[in-house]
Amino acid sequence: MMFEAFFPKPKVFFGSFVLWSLACIILWFMFGQPLGEKLTLGELFGFVHLDYGALEALQEEARSFGKHSSAEHVELVMEKIAAIKSATTFWFYQFLVPCYGIFLGFWHFFAKKEWRRWSLYGSALIVFVTWFQVQLDVMINNWFGGFYDMVQKMFAEPGSITPDEYYGRIFTFFSIAGIYVLVAILNRFFIQHFNFRWRTALNERYTKLWERVRHIEGSSQRIQDDTMRFADIMEGLGVGLIDSAMTLLAFLPLLWVLSTHVSELPIIGPIAHGLVIAAVIWSGLGTAILMLTGYYLPKLNFLNKRVEAAYREELVLGEKNLDRASPMTLQRLFAHVRKNYFRLYFHYMYFNVARFTYLQAGALVPYVTLAPTLLSKEAIVAGFTLGVMQQTVRAFGRVESSFQYLVLNYPTIIEMLSIYMRLRTFEAAIYNKPLPKIDQAYLDGTERNN
């Protein structure tokens, strides 16, 4: 019901979104992308003719560049590649229009709901802007490759790069980064309003049912504070999940291509596309470690709010009632607070040891993975330049962080689960169902005395 208050038929809505997204992705790679040469309207907007055959030939020519290739020829080829890729990007966004239109049109007429405009169109806008930001991140990653190749050339051939070329590269970065910052600020502003509408929907639902839930301990806190934090955290986690999925879609193929420069991994030895395999293994290891060490934290966070609510409620009642909030009662309630906090501190201690150790070690993983290639005498001959290394490290980091969604967000997920547990008590009261087991254990004194 926490989702039903805002979204139309949440399980069907989110399930259909995932299935429709997968269908559109398959349609793009199987039929949509090849049809771009015939259906794109890019030429009407100043883009070059979309020719995938010419693009593949130009990319193959670029891979064969050597020391004897003239700078003018290299620049011309790279400009043609960039022009065709820009036309491809336009065609992709053109392809997205009917995909979005069909999905939104169906749900617009299928789900007549009060918060439809915000939950439906707001979610669609957030997904689109997130994808756009990921594409800008890909452009920045490509910029780093060209920039560090230029730096390498500056060191190898002093004076070969003019000030105009150098500062031109810098300006290109600021133009991309400027758009990224502007879009991020506007997107964050919209998400804040989106969160507040979700909170409003939850608030209206629970206040209308106040008579059913007012007897629940800490009910005022759950309506005022938990609904606010639930909407904010869920939206943050949702946007983070979408960003991770889209980053994976954008950077995994790039890392797959860059892996052709890396034919060997430490310890494992020769292996095809080793960077992708290393990212998956390292991310899976971290997820497993944190899920294991953080197993008890959601329940302890839930209990922490319960004991805090009981202590705060007694103090509030004592302000107007002389028979409440006696020193003995307050001492007993605060003892529960202290005991739960100390348990929480202990479990967070070994959880943080595992988390911070893993994250710090992860900073060196791409460099360790690249060690056999960097130490090889054939690396430069094979085209593994400083720019390619920077592109590879950044792409590896993006893919790794996408696979590490649970690792990077686990503390927030723990907090969200504890809030979800508390709001479930409201749902149980609304439908006259038994309280969740953790609530029953708390009221019986089992959890407080453990």
Protein backbone atom coordinates (compact mmCIF):
# COMPACT_ATOMS: atom_id res chain seq x y z
CA MET A 1 0.00 0.00 0.00
CA MET A 2 2.98 2.33 0.43
CA PHE A 3 3.37 2.21 -3.33
CA GLU A 4 -0.33 1.95 -4.19
CA ALA A 5 -0.96 5.32 -2.56
CA PHE A 6 1.05 6.96 -5.35
CA PHE A 7 1.60 4.56 -8.26
CA PRO A 8 -1.14 2.88 -10.35
CA LYS A 9 -1.11 -0.88 -9.69
CA PRO A 10 2.57 -0.86 -8.60
CA LYS A 11 3.42 -4.52 -9.28
CA VAL A 12 1.90 -4.43 -12.77
CA PHE A 13 3.26 -0.94 -13.46
CA PHE A 14 6.89 -1.66 -12.54
CA GLY A 15 6.76 -5.15 -14.01
CA SER A 16 5.43 -3.86 -17.32
CA PHE A 17 8.08 -1.13 -17.32
CA VAL A 18 10.88 -3.69 -17.00
CA LEU A 19 9.40 -5.98 -19.67
CA TRP A 20 8.69 -3.11 -22.05
CA SER A 21 12.22 -1.74 -21.56
CA LEU A 22 13.73 -5.14 -22.37
CA ALA A 23 11.47 -5.45 -25.42
CA CYS A 24 12.54 -2.01 -26.68
CA ILE A 25 16.22 -2.81 -26.13
CA ILE A 26 15.88 -6.08 -28.08
CA LEU A 27 13.91 -4.28 -30.78
CA TRP A 28 16.61 -1.61 -31.02
CA PHE A 29 19.50 -4.02 -31.52
CA MET A 30 17.63 -6.45 -33.79
CA PHE A 31 15.60 -4.10 -35.99
CA GLY A 32 15.67 -0.47 -34.83
CA GLN A 33 19.34 0.33 -35.22
CA PRO A 34 19.72 -1.06 -38.79
CA LEU A 35 16.60 0.86 -39.90
CA GLY A 36 18.18 4.15 -38.87
CA GLU A 37 19.60 4.79 -42.35
CA LYS A 38 16.05 4.79 -43.80
CA LEU A 39 13.87 6.17 -40.99
CA THR A 40 16.02 8.77 -39.26
CA LEU A 41 15.07 12.44 -39.60
CA GLY A 42 18.54 13.54 -38.54
CA GLU A 43 19.47 15.04 -41.91
CA LEU A 44 16.59 17.51 -41.54
CA PHE A 45 18.28 18.80 -38.38
CA GLY A 46 21.78 19.11 -39.80
CA PHE A 47 23.18 15.64 -39.02
CA VAL A 48 25.16 13.67 -41.60
CA HIS A 49 23.69 10.70 -43.44
CA LEU A 50 23.62 7.71 -41.12
CA ASP A 51 25.79 4.98 -42.70
CA TYR A 52 26.75 2.12 -40.36
CA GLY A 53 28.89 0.49 -43.04
CA ALA A 54 30.97 3.64 -43.40
CA LEU A 55 31.25 3.90 -39.63
CA GLU A 56 32.66 0.38 -39.29
CA ALA A 57 35.16 1.04 -42.08
CA LEU A 58 36.28 4.31 -40.49
CA GLN A 59 36.65 2.69 -37.06
CA GLU A 60 38.73 -0.11 -38.57
CA GLU A 61 40.91 2.50 -40.27
CA ALA A 62 41.29 4.38 -36.98
CA ARG A 63 42.46 1.21 -35.22
CA SER A 64 45.19 0.78 -37.82
CA PHE A 65 46.68 4.26 -37.40
CA GLY A 66 50.41 4.20 -36.83
CA LYS A 67 53.28 6.61 -36.38
CA HIS A 68 53.36 7.39 -40.10
CA SER A 69 49.70 8.48 -40.30
CA SER A 70 49.43 12.19 -40.98
CA ALA A 71 47.76 14.34 -38.36
CA GLU A 72 45.39 15.83 -40.95
CA HIS A 73 44.20 12.41 -42.09
CA VAL A 74 43.73 11.18 -38.52
CA GLU A 75 41.73 14.29 -37.64
CA LEU A 76 39.54 13.93 -40.74
CA VAL A 77 38.74 10.29 -39.98
CA MET A 78 37.94 11.03 -36.34
CA GLU A 79 35.65 13.91 -37.36
CA LYS A 80 33.73 11.61 -39.71
CA ILE A 81 33.38 8.99 -36.96
CA ALA A 82 32.11 11.63 -34.52
CA ALA A 83 29.62 12.94 -37.09
CA ILE A 84 28.13 9.51 -37.79
CA LYS A 85 27.96 8.74 -34.05
CA SER A 86 26.09 12.02 -33.50
CA ALA A 87 23.63 10.98 -36.20
CA THR A 88 23.27 7.60 -34.48
CA THR A 89 22.52 9.31 -31.18
CA PHE A 90 19.80 11.42 -32.82
CA TRP A 91 18.24 8.31 -34.34
CA PHE A 92 18.28 6.60 -30.97
CA TYR A 93 16.39 9.45 -29.31
CA GLN A 94 13.97 9.45 -32.24
CA PHE A 95 13.45 5.73 -31.60
CA LEU A 96 12.73 6.43 -27.93
CA VAL A 97 9.80 8.74 -28.74
CA PRO A 98 7.35 6.00 -29.87
CA CYS A 99 8.64 3.64 -27.15
CA TYR A 100 7.82 6.22 -24.49
CA GLY A 101 4.58 7.22 -26.19
CA ILE A 102 3.16 3.68 -26.30
CA PHE A 103 3.97 2.94 -22.66
CA LEU A 104 2.72 6.26 -21.28
CA GLY A 105 -0.35 6.24 -23.52
CA PHE A 106 -1.38 2.79 -22.29
CA TRP A 107 -1.04 3.67 -18.61
CA HIS A 108 -2.63 7.10 -19.08
CA PHE A 109 -5.92 5.48 -20.14
CA PHE A 110 -5.59 2.24 -18.15
CA ALA A 111 -4.91 3.77 -14.72
CA LYS A 112 -7.21 6.57 -13.61
CA LYS A 113 -5.47 7.68 -10.45
CA GLU A 114 -5.24 10.93 -8.50
CA TRP A 115 -1.43 11.09 -8.62
CA ARG A 116 -1.13 9.81 -12.18
CA ARG A 117 0.56 12.90 -13.60
CA TRP A 118 3.36 12.80 -11.06
CA SER A 119 3.80 9.03 -10.67
CA LEU A 120 3.53 8.25 -14.39
CA TYR A 121 4.95 11.22 -16.28
CA GLY A 122 7.30 12.20 -13.45
CA SER A 123 8.86 8.72 -13.39
CA ALA A 124 9.20 8.76 -17.18
CA LEU A 125 10.98 12.11 -17.10
CA ILE A 126 13.37 10.93 -14.38
CA VAL A 127 14.24 7.78 -16.36
CA PHE A 128 14.87 9.78 -19.54
CA VAL A 129 17.03 12.41 -17.83
CA THR A 130 19.02 9.70 -16.05
CA TRP A 131 19.75 8.07 -19.40
CA PHE A 132 20.78 11.42 -20.84
CA GLN A 133 23.21 11.94 -17.94
CA VAL A 134 24.71 8.51 -18.54
CA GLN A 135 25.29 9.42 -22.19
CA LEU A 136 27.07 12.60 -21.10
CA ASP A 137 29.21 10.47 -18.80
CA VAL A 138 30.15 8.28 -21.77
CA MET A 139 31.16 11.42 -23.69
CA ILE A 140 33.33 12.52 -20.77
CA ASN A 141 34.93 9.07 -20.68
CA ASN A 142 35.76 9.33 -24.38
CA TRP A 143 37.14 12.83 -23.79
CA PHE A 144 39.58 11.48 -21.20
CA GLY A 145 40.86 8.95 -23.72
CA GLY A 146 41.64 11.61 -26.33
CA PHE A 147 43.03 14.05 -23.77
CA TYR A 148 45.51 11.60 -22.24
CA ASP A 149 46.59 10.44 -25.70
CA MET A 150 47.34 14.10 -26.43
CA VAL A 151 49.31 14.37 -23.18
CA GLN A 152 51.29 11.28 -24.09
CA LYS A 153 52.08 12.81 -27.48
CA MET A 154 53.16 16.07 -25.79
CA PHE A 155 55.68 14.17 -23.69
CA ALA A 156 56.92 12.02 -26.57
CA GLU A 157 57.13 14.89 -29.08
CA PRO A 158 57.57 18.25 -27.29
CA GLY A 159 55.92 21.10 -29.18
CA SER A 160 53.73 18.81 -31.29
CA ILE A 161 50.52 20.11 -29.65
CA THR A 162 49.64 23.78 -30.11
CA PRO A 163 48.06 25.91 -27.35
CA ASP A 164 44.85 26.15 -29.42
CA GLU A 165 44.57 22.35 -29.57
CA TYR A 166 45.25 21.97 -25.85
CA TYR A 167 42.84 24.65 -24.67
CA GLY A 168 40.31 23.50 -27.26
CA ARG A 169 40.25 20.09 -25.54
CA ILE A 170 39.79 21.77 -22.16
CA PHE A 171 36.90 23.85 -23.51
CA THR A 172 35.25 20.71 -24.90
CA PHE A 173 35.31 19.16 -21.43
CA PHE A 174 33.75 22.21 -19.82
CA SER A 175 31.02 22.31 -22.45
CA ILE A 176 30.06 18.68 -21.73
CA ALA A 177 30.49 19.00 -17.96
CA GLY A 178 28.50 22.25 -17.94
CA ILE A 179 25.52 20.56 -19.57
CA TYR A 180 25.88 17.63 -17.13
CA VAL A 181 25.87 19.94 -14.09
CA LEU A 182 22.88 21.95 -15.37
CA VAL A 183 20.85 18.82 -16.11
CA ALA A 184 21.80 17.27 -12.74
CA ILE A 185 20.68 20.39 -10.84
CA LEU A 186 17.35 20.61 -12.67
CA ASN A 187 16.79 16.86 -12.29
CA ARG A 188 17.48 17.03 -8.57
CA PHE A 189 15.05 19.94 -8.22
CA PHE A 190 12.34 17.94 -9.98
CA ILE A 191 13.05 14.82 -7.91
CA GLN A 192 12.61 16.82 -4.69
CA HIS A 193 9.14 17.85 -5.83
CA PHE A 194 8.44 14.28 -6.93
CA ASN A 195 9.40 13.01 -3.47
CA PHE A 196 7.14 15.51 -1.74
CA ARG A 197 4.15 14.45 -3.87
CA TRP A 198 4.77 10.84 -2.90
CA ARG A 199 4.97 11.84 0.75
CA THR A 200 1.74 13.83 0.36
CA ALA A 201 -0.02 10.78 -1.08
CA LEU A 202 1.14 8.65 1.89
CA ASN A 203 0.24 11.37 4.37
CA GLU A 204 -3.29 11.73 2.97
CA ARG A 205 -3.81 7.98 3.06
CA TYR A 206 -2.76 7.53 6.68
CA THR A 207 -4.42 10.65 8.07
CA LYS A 208 -7.74 9.56 6.54
CA LEU A 209 -7.33 6.29 8.43
CA TRP A 210 -6.10 7.87 11.66
CA GLU A 211 -8.72 6.16 13.85
CA ARG A 212 -7.43 2.76 12.77
CA VAL A 213 -3.75 3.47 13.35
CA ARG A 214 -3.63 5.97 16.22
CA HIS A 215 -3.23 3.20 18.80
CA ILE A 216 0.05 2.03 17.20
CA GLU A 217 3.04 3.07 19.26
CA GLY A 218 4.82 6.01 17.63
CA SER A 219 1.98 6.52 15.14
CA SER A 220 2.55 10.28 14.93
CA GLN A 221 6.23 9.76 14.11
CA ARG A 222 5.41 7.20 11.45
CA ILE A 223 3.03 9.54 9.65
CA GLN A 224 5.18 12.65 10.01
CA ASP A 225 8.72 11.30 9.74
CA ASP A 226 8.62 7.81 8.27
CA THR A 227 6.47 8.74 5.26
CA MET A 228 8.84 11.61 4.48
CA ARG A 229 11.95 9.47 4.72
CA PHE A 230 10.39 6.49 2.95
CA ALA A 231 9.47 8.58 -0.12
CA ASP A 232 12.86 10.28 -0.16
CA ILE A 233 14.91 7.10 0.31
CA MET A 234 12.84 4.99 -2.09
CA GLU A 235 13.15 7.61 -4.82
CA GLY A 236 16.88 7.91 -4.21
CA LEU A 237 17.33 4.15 -4.37
CA GLY A 238 15.05 3.91 -7.39
CA VAL A 239 16.94 6.57 -9.33
CA GLY A 240 20.22 4.94 -8.26
CA LEU A 241 19.02 1.56 -9.52
CA ILE A 242 17.94 3.04 -12.87
CA ASP A 243 21.24 4.89 -13.14
CA SER A 244 23.18 1.69 -12.40
CA ALA A 245 21.22 -0.29 -14.98
CA MET A 246 21.64 2.37 -17.66
CA THR A 247 25.31 2.88 -16.83
CA LEU A 248 25.79 -0.85 -17.21
CA LEU A 249 24.05 -0.80 -20.60
CA ALA A 250 26.22 2.10 -21.76
CA PHE A 251 29.63 1.14 -20.33
CA LEU A 252 29.56 -2.67 -20.44
CA PRO A 253 29.83 -2.79 -24.27
CA LEU A 254 32.58 -0.16 -24.07
CA LEU A 255 34.50 -2.19 -21.49
CA TRP A 256 33.91 -5.29 -23.60
CA VAL A 257 35.62 -3.59 -26.55
CA LEU A 258 38.44 -2.18 -24.41
CA SER A 259 39.04 -5.68 -23.03
CA THR A 260 40.48 -6.65 -26.40
CA HIS A 261 43.64 -4.82 -25.30
CA VAL A 262 43.83 -6.98 -22.15
CA SER A 263 44.46 -10.63 -22.92
CA GLU A 264 45.72 -11.74 -19.51
CA LEU A 265 44.73 -11.32 -15.85
CA PRO A 266 46.92 -11.72 -12.75
CA ILE A 267 46.85 -15.26 -11.28
CA ILE A 268 44.13 -16.39 -13.74
CA GLY A 269 46.32 -15.97 -16.83
CA PRO A 270 45.16 -15.59 -20.44
CA ILE A 271 41.39 -15.05 -20.72
CA ALA A 272 39.08 -13.34 -23.21
CA HIS A 273 37.37 -10.10 -22.06
CA GLY A 274 39.06 -10.37 -18.69
CA LEU A 275 38.10 -6.85 -17.54
CA VAL A 276 34.39 -7.65 -17.65
CA ILE A 277 34.93 -10.93 -15.79
CA ALA A 278 37.08 -9.19 -13.16
CA ALA A 279 34.43 -6.51 -12.60
CA VAL A 280 31.70 -9.12 -12.14
CA ILE A 281 33.77 -11.27 -9.74
CA TRP A 282 34.94 -8.33 -7.61
CA SER A 283 31.46 -6.79 -7.40
CA GLY A 284 29.81 -10.10 -6.58
CA LEU A 285 32.36 -10.71 -3.82
CA GLY A 286 31.68 -7.32 -2.25
CA THR A 287 27.90 -7.75 -2.41
CA ALA A 288 28.11 -11.14 -0.70
CA ILE A 289 30.41 -9.83 2.06
CA LEU A 290 28.20 -6.84 2.89
CA MET A 291 24.96 -8.82 2.83
CA LEU A 292 26.52 -11.24 5.29
CA THR A 293 28.01 -8.65 7.66
CA GLY A 294 24.91 -6.42 7.50
CA TYR A 295 22.36 -9.16 8.10
CA TYR A 296 21.20 -7.94 11.55
CA LEU A 297 21.24 -4.19 10.87
CA PRO A 298 17.71 -3.68 9.43
CA LYS A 299 16.09 -5.31 12.47
CA LEU A 300 18.28 -3.35 14.89
CA ASN A 301 17.46 -0.07 13.13
CA PHE A 302 13.77 -0.93 13.39
CA LEU A 303 14.05 -1.68 17.10
CA ASN A 304 16.02 1.51 17.61
CA LYS A 305 13.10 3.58 16.35
CA ARG A 306 10.71 1.66 18.57
CA VAL A 307 12.63 2.27 21.79
CA GLU A 308 13.26 5.91 20.85
CA ALA A 309 9.54 6.41 20.11
CA ALA A 310 8.55 4.85 23.45
CA TYR A 311 10.97 7.08 25.35
CA ARG A 312 9.89 10.23 23.48
CA GLU A 313 6.17 9.42 23.95
CA GLU A 314 6.58 9.06 27.72
CA LEU A 315 8.36 12.42 27.89
CA VAL A 316 5.59 14.12 25.86
CA LEU A 317 2.87 12.61 28.06
CA GLY A 318 4.76 13.74 31.13
CA GLU A 319 4.54 17.37 30.03
CA LYS A 320 0.79 17.48 30.79
CA ASN A 321 0.25 14.52 33.08
CA LEU A 322 1.96 14.42 36.47
CA ASP A 323 1.39 10.66 36.75
CA ARG A 324 3.59 9.96 33.70
CA ALA A 325 7.33 10.22 33.04
CA SER A 326 8.48 9.28 36.53
CA PRO A 327 12.26 9.00 37.03
CA MET A 328 12.07 5.20 37.34
CA THR A 329 10.01 4.87 34.15
CA LEU A 330 12.30 7.18 32.20
CA GLN A 331 15.36 5.35 33.49
CA ARG A 332 13.90 2.01 32.39
CA LEU A 333 12.95 3.29 28.93
CA PHE A 334 16.31 4.95 28.42
CA ALA A 335 18.04 1.71 29.41
CA HIS A 336 16.32 0.08 26.42
CA VAL A 337 17.57 2.93 24.22
CA ARG A 338 21.14 2.56 25.47
CA LYS A 339 21.14 -1.22 25.13
CA ASN A 340 19.87 -1.14 21.54
CA TYR A 341 22.32 1.59 20.52
CA PHE A 342 25.26 -0.36 21.92
CA ARG A 343 24.17 -3.46 19.99
CA LEU A 344 23.78 -1.31 16.88
CA TYR A 345 27.27 0.19 17.32
CA PHE A 346 28.81 -3.27 17.66
CA HIS A 347 27.20 -4.66 14.51
CA TYR A 348 27.97 -1.50 12.53
CA MET A 349 31.61 -1.76 13.63
CA TYR A 350 32.39 -5.02 11.83
CA PHE A 351 30.05 -4.04 8.97
CA ASN A 352 32.04 -0.83 8.42
CA VAL A 353 35.34 -2.71 8.67
CA ALA A 354 34.23 -4.94 5.81
CA ARG A 355 32.68 -2.10 3.78
CA PHE A 356 35.52 0.42 3.99
CA THR A 357 38.21 -2.22 3.48
CA TYR A 358 36.44 -3.47 0.38
CA LEU A 359 35.91 0.02 -1.07
CA GLN A 360 39.50 1.09 -0.47
CA ALA A 361 40.88 -2.09 -2.00
CA GLY A 362 38.56 -1.59 -4.97
CA ALA A 363 40.39 1.59 -6.00
CA LEU A 364 43.39 -0.53 -7.03
CA VAL A 365 41.51 -3.42 -8.65
CA PRO A 366 41.54 -2.01 -12.23
CA TYR A 367 45.27 -1.26 -12.01
CA VAL A 368 46.02 -4.74 -10.65
CA THR A 369 43.87 -6.20 -13.39
CA LEU A 370 45.81 -4.24 -16.01
CA ALA A 371 49.21 -5.15 -14.55
CA PRO A 372 50.13 -7.89 -17.08
CA THR A 373 49.22 -5.57 -19.97
CA LEU A 374 51.03 -2.54 -18.56
CA LEU A 375 54.16 -4.59 -17.89
CA SER A 376 54.12 -6.15 -21.35
CA LYS A 377 56.59 -4.88 -23.94
CA GLU A 378 53.93 -5.27 -26.64
CA ALA A 379 51.37 -2.99 -24.94
CA ILE A 380 52.13 0.20 -26.86
CA VAL A 381 52.58 -1.68 -30.12
CA ALA A 382 49.12 -3.19 -29.63
CA GLY A 383 47.63 0.29 -29.28
CA PHE A 384 47.34 0.36 -25.49
CA THR A 385 48.15 4.03 -24.95
CA LEU A 386 47.80 6.27 -21.89
CA GLY A 387 44.45 7.47 -23.21
CA VAL A 388 43.17 3.91 -23.66
CA MET A 389 44.31 3.11 -20.11
CA GLN A 390 42.35 6.08 -18.71
CA GLN A 391 39.27 5.13 -20.70
CA THR A 392 39.61 1.54 -19.50
CA VAL A 393 40.01 2.47 -15.83
CA ARG A 394 37.03 4.84 -15.91
CA ALA A 395 34.85 2.35 -17.83
CA PHE A 396 35.89 -0.41 -15.40
CA GLY A 397 34.93 1.84 -12.50
CA ARG A 398 31.50 2.59 -13.99
CA VAL A 399 30.76 -1.07 -14.68
CA GLU A 400 32.05 -2.06 -11.26
CA SER A 401 29.95 0.57 -9.46
CA SER A 402 26.86 -0.56 -11.40
CA PHE A 403 27.37 -4.14 -10.26
CA GLN A 404 28.06 -2.79 -6.76
CA TYR A 405 24.67 -1.13 -6.38
CA LEU A 406 23.93 -3.07 -3.19
CA VAL A 407 27.43 -2.46 -1.82
CA LEU A 408 27.38 1.30 -2.35
CA ASN A 409 23.81 1.74 -1.10
CA TYR A 410 23.63 -0.89 1.63
CA PRO A 411 23.51 1.55 4.58
CA THR A 412 20.62 3.38 2.89
CA ILE A 413 18.91 0.09 2.09
CA ILE A 414 19.20 -0.88 5.76
CA GLU A 415 17.49 2.35 6.80
CA MET A 416 14.79 1.91 4.16
CA LEU A 417 14.07 -1.65 5.35
CA SER A 418 13.67 -0.47 8.93
CA ILE A 419 11.22 2.25 7.81
CA TYR A 420 9.36 -0.29 5.69
CA MET A 421 9.03 -2.57 8.72
CA ARG A 422 7.47 0.27 10.74
CA LEU A 423 5.00 1.25 8.02
CA ARG A 424 3.97 -2.39 7.64
CA THR A 425 2.53 -2.11 11.13
CA PHE A 426 0.20 0.59 9.83
CA GLU A 427 -0.87 -1.61 6.97
CA ALA A 428 -1.59 -4.47 9.38
CA ALA A 429 -3.77 -2.16 11.49
CA ILE A 430 -5.67 -0.88 8.44
CA TYR A 431 -6.63 -4.40 7.35
CA ASN A 432 -7.06 -5.79 10.88
CA LYS A 433 -4.26 -8.28 10.38
CA PRO A 434 -1.87 -9.57 13.07
CA LEU A 435 1.14 -7.38 13.69
CA PRO A 436 4.40 -8.39 12.00
CA LYS A 437 6.51 -10.83 14.05
CA ILE A 438 9.12 -8.23 14.92
CA ASP A 439 6.41 -5.94 16.37
CA GLN A 440 4.93 -8.80 18.38
CA ALA A 441 8.37 -9.72 19.70
CA TYR A 442 8.95 -6.12 20.76
CA LEU A 443 5.57 -5.77 22.50
CA ASP A 444 6.13 -9.11 24.28
CA GLY A 445 9.49 -7.85 25.49
CA THR A 446 11.43 -10.60 23.70
CA GLU A 447 13.53 -8.33 21.53
CA ARG A 448 14.09 -5.70 24.20
CA ASN A 449 15.42 -8.29 26.64
CA ASN A 450 17.73 -10.09 24.21
